[in-house]
Amino acid sequence: MPIVDLQLRDQVVLVIGGTGLIGSAVVARLREEGATTVAASRHPGEDGIEIDAADDQSLADGVAEVIQRHGRIDALVVTAAPAAQTLDPSRSSDPEQVMGAIEAKAMVFLRAATAVIPTMKKAGYGRIVAISGQNAFLTGSITGSVRNAATIVVAENLADELANTGILVNAVSPGTVTTETGQEVQPGRPGSSTPQQVADLVAFLCSPLSAVSAESIAVGHRVLGVTSL
């Protein structure tokens, strides 16, 4: 048992994008806490389920499968999105790439959240967490900034819509995610964090102990030298 019990034992958590760098760390952390954690992706492992979060029918089928197996969904974590390295920097301001990036991240999160909200409303309880990114707060890449900012805006709007329902919605915004994080933070840049550090925060936000909602929380030092109110 952990020293601080997050009361996640026997909670049912669906992690979409659960086989990626951050997603797999989130799955492992939640399982350490005793949560029944379902890892979902387009290419799931042996103990996961297949969900294409860009496809509404695939989402509906996947959510129905989780409910059929486990009876409910207490928390949803959405980490599914193309890695920043896959974005073409030479097309940063290309409207086609920008719209595609919004669709692949912010709209995937919205679709996934919309798919689980009805069952959470019936239960009067739920936790929903989006993984965004600190380049939402930076210029330099329209594609990177807009797709992450849109994800945060979607999360905060959903949180307000769901106020007083027992469902809390938040976004987690890492800086650079690396397996070997350092302490140095450069001016005008965010700090780095490990997948496990991101997962620690996500686990708390999925917990019944959390009363946080409508927040975008940075992991690693928030952009050095920038004030955000």
Protein backbone atom coordinates (compact mmCIF):
# COMPACT_ATOMS: atom_id res chain seq x y z
CA MET A 1 0.00 0.00 0.00
CA PRO A 2 1.28 3.53 -0.77
CA ILE A 3 2.06 5.86 2.12
CA VAL A 4 -0.56 8.30 0.84
CA ASP A 5 -3.65 6.37 -0.20
CA LEU A 6 -5.24 8.09 -3.20
CA GLN A 7 -8.35 5.92 -2.73
CA LEU A 8 -8.06 4.61 -6.27
CA ARG A 9 -8.32 0.96 -5.29
CA ASP A 10 -11.07 -0.64 -7.38
CA GLN A 11 -11.72 2.59 -9.29
CA VAL A 12 -12.16 1.97 -13.03
CA VAL A 13 -9.96 4.21 -15.17
CA LEU A 14 -9.88 4.31 -18.96
CA VAL A 15 -6.60 5.60 -20.41
CA ILE A 16 -6.86 6.43 -24.10
CA GLY A 17 -3.41 6.48 -25.63
CA GLY A 18 -2.39 4.04 -22.90
CA THR A 19 0.49 2.50 -24.83
CA GLY A 20 2.45 5.71 -25.48
CA LEU A 21 5.33 7.18 -23.47
CA ILE A 22 3.11 9.13 -21.06
CA GLY A 23 0.11 6.84 -21.36
CA SER A 24 1.99 3.70 -20.35
CA ALA A 25 3.44 5.52 -17.32
CA VAL A 26 -0.06 6.65 -16.32
CA VAL A 27 -1.39 3.10 -16.66
CA ALA A 28 1.44 1.72 -14.52
CA ARG A 29 1.00 4.41 -11.84
CA LEU A 30 -2.74 3.91 -11.57
CA ARG A 31 -2.29 0.16 -11.28
CA GLU A 32 0.22 0.71 -8.48
CA GLU A 33 -2.60 2.49 -6.66
CA GLY A 34 -4.89 -0.49 -7.16
CA ALA A 35 -7.09 1.03 -9.87
CA THR A 36 -8.64 -1.20 -12.50
CA THR A 37 -6.94 0.50 -15.41
CA VAL A 38 -7.90 -0.15 -19.03
CA ALA A 39 -5.26 0.84 -21.57
CA ALA A 40 -6.84 1.75 -24.91
CA SER A 41 -5.21 2.59 -28.21
CA ARG A 42 -5.40 1.78 -31.90
CA HIS A 43 -2.80 -0.93 -31.34
CA PRO A 44 -3.42 -2.26 -27.81
CA GLY A 45 -1.34 -4.83 -26.00
CA GLU A 46 -2.60 -8.10 -24.63
CA ASP A 47 -4.48 -6.58 -21.68
CA GLY A 48 -5.81 -3.49 -23.48
CA ILE A 49 -8.72 -2.70 -25.76
CA GLU A 50 -8.78 -1.20 -29.23
CA ILE A 51 -10.13 2.34 -29.53
CA ASP A 52 -9.56 4.80 -32.35
CA ALA A 53 -10.34 8.03 -30.53
CA ALA A 54 -10.80 9.87 -33.82
CA ASP A 55 -13.77 7.62 -34.63
CA ASP A 56 -17.02 8.16 -32.72
CA GLN A 57 -18.25 4.59 -33.26
CA SER A 58 -14.96 3.13 -32.09
CA LEU A 59 -15.15 5.27 -28.97
CA ALA A 60 -18.76 4.28 -28.29
CA ASP A 61 -17.92 0.60 -28.74
CA GLY A 62 -14.84 0.86 -26.53
CA VAL A 63 -16.66 2.67 -23.73
CA ALA A 64 -19.48 0.11 -23.92
CA GLU A 65 -16.92 -2.69 -23.64
CA VAL A 66 -15.35 -1.17 -20.53
CA ILE A 67 -18.76 -0.73 -18.91
CA GLN A 68 -19.76 -4.28 -19.84
CA ARG A 69 -16.57 -5.65 -18.27
CA HIS A 70 -16.36 -3.45 -15.19
CA GLY A 71 -19.79 -1.85 -14.70
CA ARG A 72 -18.69 1.77 -14.79
CA ILE A 73 -15.96 4.28 -15.68
CA ASP A 74 -14.80 6.42 -12.78
CA ALA A 75 -12.04 8.31 -14.58
CA LEU A 76 -10.85 9.03 -18.11
CA VAL A 77 -7.32 10.06 -19.08
CA VAL A 78 -6.64 11.07 -22.68
CA THR A 79 -3.01 11.06 -23.72
CA ALA A 80 -3.65 10.16 -27.37
CA ALA A 81 -2.07 12.61 -29.83
CA PRO A 82 0.68 12.55 -32.43
CA ALA A 83 4.07 13.31 -30.87
CA ALA A 84 5.30 16.89 -31.31
CA GLN A 85 8.27 15.52 -33.27
CA THR A 86 5.88 14.32 -35.99
CA LEU A 87 4.75 17.88 -36.74
CA ASP A 88 6.53 19.48 -39.69
CA PRO A 89 8.17 22.71 -38.40
CA SER A 90 8.32 24.08 -41.95
CA ARG A 91 4.50 23.94 -42.01
CA SER A 92 3.95 25.51 -38.60
CA SER A 93 1.54 28.13 -40.02
CA ASP A 94 0.03 25.86 -42.69
CA PRO A 95 -3.73 25.93 -42.02
CA GLU A 96 -4.08 22.30 -43.10
CA GLN A 97 -1.49 21.10 -40.60
CA VAL A 98 -2.91 23.32 -37.85
CA MET A 99 -6.45 22.02 -38.36
CA GLY A 100 -5.22 18.44 -38.55
CA ALA A 101 -3.33 18.87 -35.29
CA ILE A 102 -6.38 20.34 -33.53
CA GLU A 103 -8.48 17.43 -34.78
CA ALA A 104 -5.90 14.87 -33.64
CA LYS A 105 -5.54 16.29 -30.13
CA ALA A 106 -8.23 18.71 -28.91
CA MET A 107 -11.09 17.08 -30.81
CA VAL A 108 -9.93 13.59 -29.87
CA PHE A 109 -10.09 14.67 -26.23
CA LEU A 110 -13.54 16.21 -26.70
CA ARG A 111 -14.86 13.09 -28.43
CA ALA A 112 -13.50 10.82 -25.71
CA ALA A 113 -14.86 12.98 -22.90
CA THR A 114 -18.27 13.20 -24.56
CA ALA A 115 -18.33 9.41 -24.83
CA VAL A 116 -17.88 8.83 -21.07
CA ILE A 117 -19.81 11.78 -19.63
CA PRO A 118 -23.27 10.15 -19.79
CA THR A 119 -22.24 7.18 -17.62
CA MET A 120 -20.41 9.49 -15.21
CA LYS A 121 -23.48 11.73 -14.92
CA LYS A 122 -25.60 8.72 -14.01
CA ALA A 123 -23.12 7.85 -11.28
CA GLY A 124 -22.84 11.46 -10.10
CA TYR A 125 -19.08 11.12 -10.13
CA GLY A 126 -16.17 11.29 -12.55
CA ARG A 127 -12.65 12.53 -13.20
CA ILE A 128 -11.49 13.53 -16.70
CA VAL A 129 -7.89 14.50 -17.47
CA ALA A 130 -6.42 15.73 -20.77
CA ILE A 131 -2.70 15.79 -21.52
CA SER A 132 -1.88 19.12 -23.19
CA GLY A 133 1.54 20.79 -23.29
CA GLN A 134 3.35 23.94 -22.23
CA ASN A 135 3.88 25.14 -25.78
CA ALA A 136 0.28 26.27 -25.45
CA PHE A 137 1.86 29.23 -23.63
CA LEU A 138 4.59 29.91 -26.21
CA THR A 139 4.88 31.35 -29.68
CA GLY A 140 7.20 29.80 -32.25
CA SER A 141 4.94 27.06 -33.60
CA ILE A 142 1.37 27.91 -34.48
CA THR A 143 0.57 24.22 -34.85
CA GLY A 144 2.04 23.26 -31.48
CA SER A 145 0.61 26.24 -29.64
CA VAL A 146 -2.89 26.04 -31.04
CA ARG A 147 -3.43 22.29 -30.66
CA ASN A 148 -2.45 22.43 -26.99
CA ALA A 149 -4.25 25.69 -26.23
CA ALA A 150 -7.40 24.26 -27.83
CA THR A 151 -7.14 21.18 -25.63
CA ILE A 152 -6.94 23.34 -22.50
CA VAL A 153 -9.89 25.47 -23.63
CA VAL A 154 -11.99 22.37 -24.29
CA ALA A 155 -11.14 20.97 -20.84
CA GLU A 156 -11.97 24.20 -19.03
CA ASN A 157 -15.25 24.61 -20.89
CA LEU A 158 -16.26 21.04 -20.10
CA ALA A 159 -15.38 21.60 -16.45
CA ASP A 160 -17.73 24.58 -16.30
CA GLU A 161 -20.50 22.71 -18.11
CA LEU A 162 -20.17 19.85 -15.63
CA ALA A 163 -19.96 21.95 -12.46
CA ASN A 164 -22.24 20.53 -9.74
CA THR A 165 -22.44 17.09 -11.38
CA GLY A 166 -19.59 15.48 -9.45
CA ILE A 167 -17.45 15.34 -12.60
CA LEU A 168 -14.15 17.22 -12.51
CA VAL A 169 -12.15 18.06 -15.64
CA ASN A 170 -8.54 19.23 -15.85
CA ALA A 171 -5.63 19.51 -18.28
CA VAL A 172 -2.04 18.57 -17.48
CA SER A 173 0.60 20.49 -19.42
CA PRO A 174 4.10 18.99 -19.40
CA GLY A 175 7.11 20.75 -20.83
CA THR A 176 9.64 18.48 -22.50
CA VAL A 177 9.03 14.88 -21.45
CA THR A 178 12.20 12.84 -21.17
CA THR A 179 13.32 9.73 -19.36
CA GLU A 180 16.40 11.60 -18.09
CA THR A 181 15.24 14.93 -16.76
CA GLY A 182 17.65 17.57 -15.50
CA GLN A 183 17.35 20.49 -13.11
CA GLU A 184 18.36 23.29 -15.49
CA VAL A 185 15.61 25.48 -16.94
CA GLN A 186 16.43 27.85 -19.80
CA PRO A 187 14.91 31.38 -19.96
CA GLY A 188 11.77 31.39 -22.07
CA ARG A 189 11.54 27.60 -21.92
CA PRO A 190 9.60 25.16 -19.73
CA GLY A 191 11.30 22.68 -17.46
CA SER A 192 11.47 19.00 -18.33
CA SER A 193 9.73 16.14 -16.56
CA THR A 194 9.71 12.38 -16.71
CA PRO A 195 6.68 10.32 -17.76
CA GLN A 196 6.48 9.11 -14.16
CA GLN A 197 6.25 12.68 -12.84
CA VAL A 198 3.41 13.38 -15.25
CA ALA A 199 1.73 10.16 -14.16
CA ASP A 200 1.99 11.11 -10.47
CA LEU A 201 -0.01 14.28 -11.09
CA VAL A 202 -2.53 12.50 -13.27
CA ALA A 203 -3.06 9.86 -10.58
CA PHE A 204 -3.90 12.56 -8.03
CA LEU A 205 -6.33 14.28 -10.41
CA CYS A 206 -8.07 10.91 -10.96
CA SER A 207 -8.40 10.40 -7.21
CA PRO A 208 -11.56 10.92 -5.15
CA LEU A 209 -9.31 13.05 -2.92
CA SER A 210 -8.96 15.68 -5.66
CA ALA A 211 -11.32 18.65 -5.67
CA VAL A 212 -9.44 20.38 -8.51
CA SER A 213 -11.39 21.27 -11.64
CA ALA A 214 -11.10 23.65 -14.61
CA GLU A 215 -7.33 23.91 -14.23
CA SER A 216 -4.35 23.61 -16.56
CA ILE A 217 -1.49 22.40 -14.40
CA ALA A 218 2.11 22.52 -15.57
CA VAL A 219 4.47 19.62 -14.95
CA GLY A 220 8.10 20.63 -14.72
CA HIS A 221 8.91 24.30 -14.22
CA ARG A 222 6.35 26.50 -15.97
CA VAL A 223 7.93 28.60 -18.73
CA LEU A 224 10.81 30.51 -17.08
CA GLY A 225 10.43 34.29 -17.14
CA VAL A 226 6.75 34.36 -18.10
CA THR A 227 3.99 35.52 -15.76
CA SER A 228 0.65 33.78 -16.17
CA LEU A 229 -2.29 34.92 -14.05
